[in-house]
Amino acid sequence: MTVRLSKCLLLFAIGFFYLLVIFNNISDYNSNYQFVHHVLMMDSTFPGNAGMWRAINSTTVHHAFYATIICWEVLTTILCFVGAFRLAQNLRSSASSYNAAKRFAIIALTLSLLMWFIAFLSLGAEWFLMWQSKTWNGQEAAARMFNIVGIVLIYLAMPDTESQP
């Protein structure tokens, strides 16, 4: 029961984190939009780098990219809370029922990992050379969240048995 409750609470915590991220992205839209804007513009990368042809100068595309991230976060949040509620409902169920209840949680955490890996570490850091920027570099935060969510996913995905505490 302790392990199951632990998994459930960690999933609620990630859902809560995403709720705060969404709140910040919407309530302080411009501050967080500026991050996306500057990364896509590549205006703080090394001067004269050969990758500047990748820069996107369309603010419409910047807003669309940012909106996609927010929608991705909303979907992840919903799935985290649905998954956590399903886990909570099955705390005292059989191991097979509890393991089956992990479906939404696993989908949520996988979506989260994909966002940090694709949007921030692959596209932002590598394609748009965010790693070159001293000001608009979100690699550390993205890697931190990828690691946190990845650890929780591994822990969550571990099969529960009837004999666990």
Protein backbone atom coordinates (compact mmCIF):
# COMPACT_ATOMS: atom_id res chain seq x y z
CA MET A 1 0.00 0.00 0.00
CA THR A 2 2.86 2.41 0.78
CA VAL A 3 4.50 1.95 -2.62
CA ARG A 4 1.18 2.39 -4.39
CA LEU A 5 0.39 5.54 -2.43
CA SER A 6 3.89 6.84 -3.17
CA LYS A 7 3.39 6.35 -6.91
CA CYS A 8 0.00 8.02 -6.77
CA LEU A 9 1.30 11.04 -4.83
CA LEU A 10 4.27 11.51 -7.15
CA LEU A 11 1.91 11.56 -10.12
CA PHE A 12 -0.33 14.12 -8.36
CA ALA A 13 2.81 16.19 -7.69
CA ILE A 14 3.78 16.19 -11.37
CA GLY A 15 0.21 17.14 -12.30
CA PHE A 16 0.38 19.99 -9.76
CA PHE A 17 3.71 21.12 -11.22
CA TYR A 18 2.17 21.25 -14.69
CA LEU A 19 -0.84 23.15 -13.33
CA LEU A 20 1.56 25.83 -12.06
CA VAL A 21 3.45 25.85 -15.37
CA ILE A 22 0.21 26.37 -17.30
CA PHE A 23 -0.87 29.10 -14.88
CA ASN A 24 2.46 30.90 -15.36
CA ASN A 25 2.41 30.45 -19.14
CA ILE A 26 -1.08 31.95 -19.36
CA SER A 27 -1.00 34.57 -16.58
CA ASP A 28 2.44 35.84 -17.63
CA TYR A 29 2.12 35.01 -21.29
CA ASN A 30 4.59 37.58 -22.56
CA SER A 31 7.50 36.65 -20.28
CA ASN A 32 7.34 33.01 -21.25
CA TYR A 33 6.52 33.84 -24.87
CA GLN A 34 9.74 35.88 -25.02
CA PHE A 35 11.69 32.71 -24.31
CA VAL A 36 10.11 30.93 -27.28
CA HIS A 37 10.43 34.04 -29.45
CA HIS A 38 14.17 34.47 -28.81
CA VAL A 39 14.97 30.78 -29.16
CA LEU A 40 13.19 30.59 -32.54
CA MET A 41 14.73 33.90 -33.68
CA MET A 42 18.16 32.59 -32.65
CA ASP A 43 19.07 36.20 -31.87
CA SER A 44 21.29 35.35 -28.91
CA THR A 45 23.29 32.53 -30.48
CA PHE A 46 26.96 32.93 -31.40
CA PRO A 47 27.40 35.80 -33.89
CA GLY A 48 27.87 34.63 -37.45
CA ASN A 49 27.11 30.96 -36.77
CA ALA A 50 26.38 28.88 -39.85
CA GLY A 51 23.00 27.70 -38.54
CA MET A 52 21.22 31.06 -38.69
CA TRP A 53 19.29 29.93 -41.77
CA ARG A 54 17.17 27.90 -39.33
CA ALA A 55 15.88 30.99 -37.52
CA ILE A 56 12.15 31.64 -37.73
CA ASN A 57 11.28 35.33 -37.78
CA SER A 58 7.49 35.00 -37.93
CA THR A 59 5.78 36.03 -34.69
CA THR A 60 2.74 34.06 -35.89
CA VAL A 61 4.83 30.90 -35.88
CA HIS A 62 6.28 31.85 -32.48
CA HIS A 63 2.78 32.20 -30.99
CA ALA A 64 1.69 28.93 -32.62
CA PHE A 65 4.74 27.13 -31.25
CA TYR A 66 4.10 28.54 -27.77
CA ALA A 67 0.40 27.65 -27.97
CA THR A 68 1.36 24.10 -28.95
CA ILE A 69 3.58 23.83 -25.88
CA ILE A 70 0.77 25.11 -23.64
CA CYS A 71 -1.72 22.65 -25.17
CA TRP A 72 0.81 19.85 -24.72
CA GLU A 73 1.14 20.87 -21.05
CA VAL A 74 -2.65 20.99 -20.61
CA LEU A 75 -3.07 17.50 -22.07
CA THR A 76 -0.23 16.18 -19.90
CA THR A 77 -1.80 17.78 -16.80
CA ILE A 78 -5.22 16.29 -17.49
CA LEU A 79 -3.73 12.85 -18.06
CA CYS A 80 -1.60 13.13 -14.89
CA PHE A 81 -4.66 13.91 -12.78
CA VAL A 82 -6.81 11.26 -14.47
CA GLY A 83 -3.99 8.76 -13.97
CA ALA A 84 -3.50 9.77 -10.34
CA PHE A 85 -7.22 9.48 -9.61
CA ARG A 86 -7.29 6.05 -11.27
CA LEU A 87 -4.35 4.97 -9.13
CA ALA A 88 -6.04 6.34 -6.01
CA GLN A 89 -9.23 4.44 -6.85
CA ASN A 90 -7.23 1.23 -7.14
CA LEU A 91 -4.97 1.56 -4.08
CA ARG A 92 -6.58 -1.46 -2.42
CA SER A 93 -7.25 -3.41 -5.63
CA SER A 94 -5.42 -6.49 -6.78
CA ALA A 95 -1.96 -6.05 -8.26
CA SER A 96 -3.28 -6.74 -11.76
CA SER A 97 -6.01 -4.11 -11.37
CA TYR A 98 -3.54 -1.56 -10.00
CA ASN A 99 -1.07 -2.26 -12.79
CA ALA A 100 -3.87 -1.84 -15.36
CA ALA A 101 -4.84 1.48 -13.73
CA LYS A 102 -1.40 2.87 -14.58
CA ARG A 103 -2.32 3.33 -18.25
CA PHE A 104 -3.18 7.06 -18.15
CA ALA A 105 -0.29 7.78 -15.80
CA ILE A 106 2.19 6.13 -18.14
CA ILE A 107 0.76 8.01 -21.12
CA ALA A 108 0.95 11.31 -19.19
CA LEU A 109 4.55 10.84 -18.13
CA THR A 110 5.56 9.70 -21.61
CA LEU A 111 3.97 12.84 -23.11
CA SER A 112 5.87 14.91 -20.58
CA LEU A 113 9.18 13.27 -21.47
CA LEU A 114 8.48 13.73 -25.17
CA MET A 115 7.80 17.45 -24.65
CA TRP A 116 11.02 18.07 -22.74
CA PHE A 117 13.05 15.93 -25.13
CA ILE A 118 11.53 17.02 -28.46
CA ALA A 119 10.49 20.65 -27.92
CA PHE A 120 13.26 21.78 -25.61
CA LEU A 121 16.27 19.48 -25.89
CA SER A 122 15.99 18.50 -29.56
CA LEU A 123 14.33 21.44 -31.32
CA GLY A 124 15.25 24.25 -28.95
CA ALA A 125 18.73 23.22 -27.89
CA GLU A 126 19.96 21.50 -31.02
CA TRP A 127 17.98 22.74 -34.01
CA PHE A 128 17.68 26.35 -32.87
CA LEU A 129 21.07 26.22 -31.12
CA MET A 130 19.68 27.34 -27.77
CA TRP A 131 22.83 25.91 -26.17
CA GLN A 132 24.74 28.88 -27.61
CA SER A 133 22.64 31.43 -25.73
CA LYS A 134 23.63 32.70 -22.31
CA THR A 135 20.27 34.42 -21.86
CA TRP A 136 17.65 32.16 -23.49
CA ASN A 137 18.98 28.72 -22.63
CA GLY A 138 16.47 26.32 -21.09
CA GLN A 139 18.54 23.16 -21.39
CA GLU A 140 19.22 22.81 -17.66
CA ALA A 141 15.57 23.16 -16.70
CA ALA A 142 14.48 20.82 -19.50
CA ALA A 143 17.07 18.21 -18.53
CA ARG A 144 16.06 18.51 -14.86
CA MET A 145 12.39 17.94 -15.70
CA PHE A 146 13.21 15.13 -18.11
CA ASN A 147 15.17 13.41 -15.33
CA ILE A 148 12.51 13.93 -12.65
CA VAL A 149 9.68 12.70 -14.86
CA GLY A 150 11.80 9.84 -16.19
CA ILE A 151 12.59 8.60 -12.69
CA VAL A 152 8.92 8.76 -11.72
CA LEU A 153 7.94 6.91 -14.91
CA ILE A 154 10.45 4.13 -14.22
CA TYR A 155 9.23 3.85 -10.62
CA LEU A 156 5.57 3.93 -11.66
CA ALA A 157 6.04 1.35 -14.40
CA MET A 158 7.61 -1.14 -12.01
CA PRO A 159 4.99 -3.87 -11.64
CA ASP A 160 3.13 -3.94 -8.37
CA THR A 161 2.71 -7.29 -6.66
CA GLU A 162 0.30 -8.56 -4.05
CA SER A 163 3.04 -8.67 -1.39
CA GLN A 164 4.25 -5.05 -1.56
CA PRO A 165 4.05 -2.93 1.59
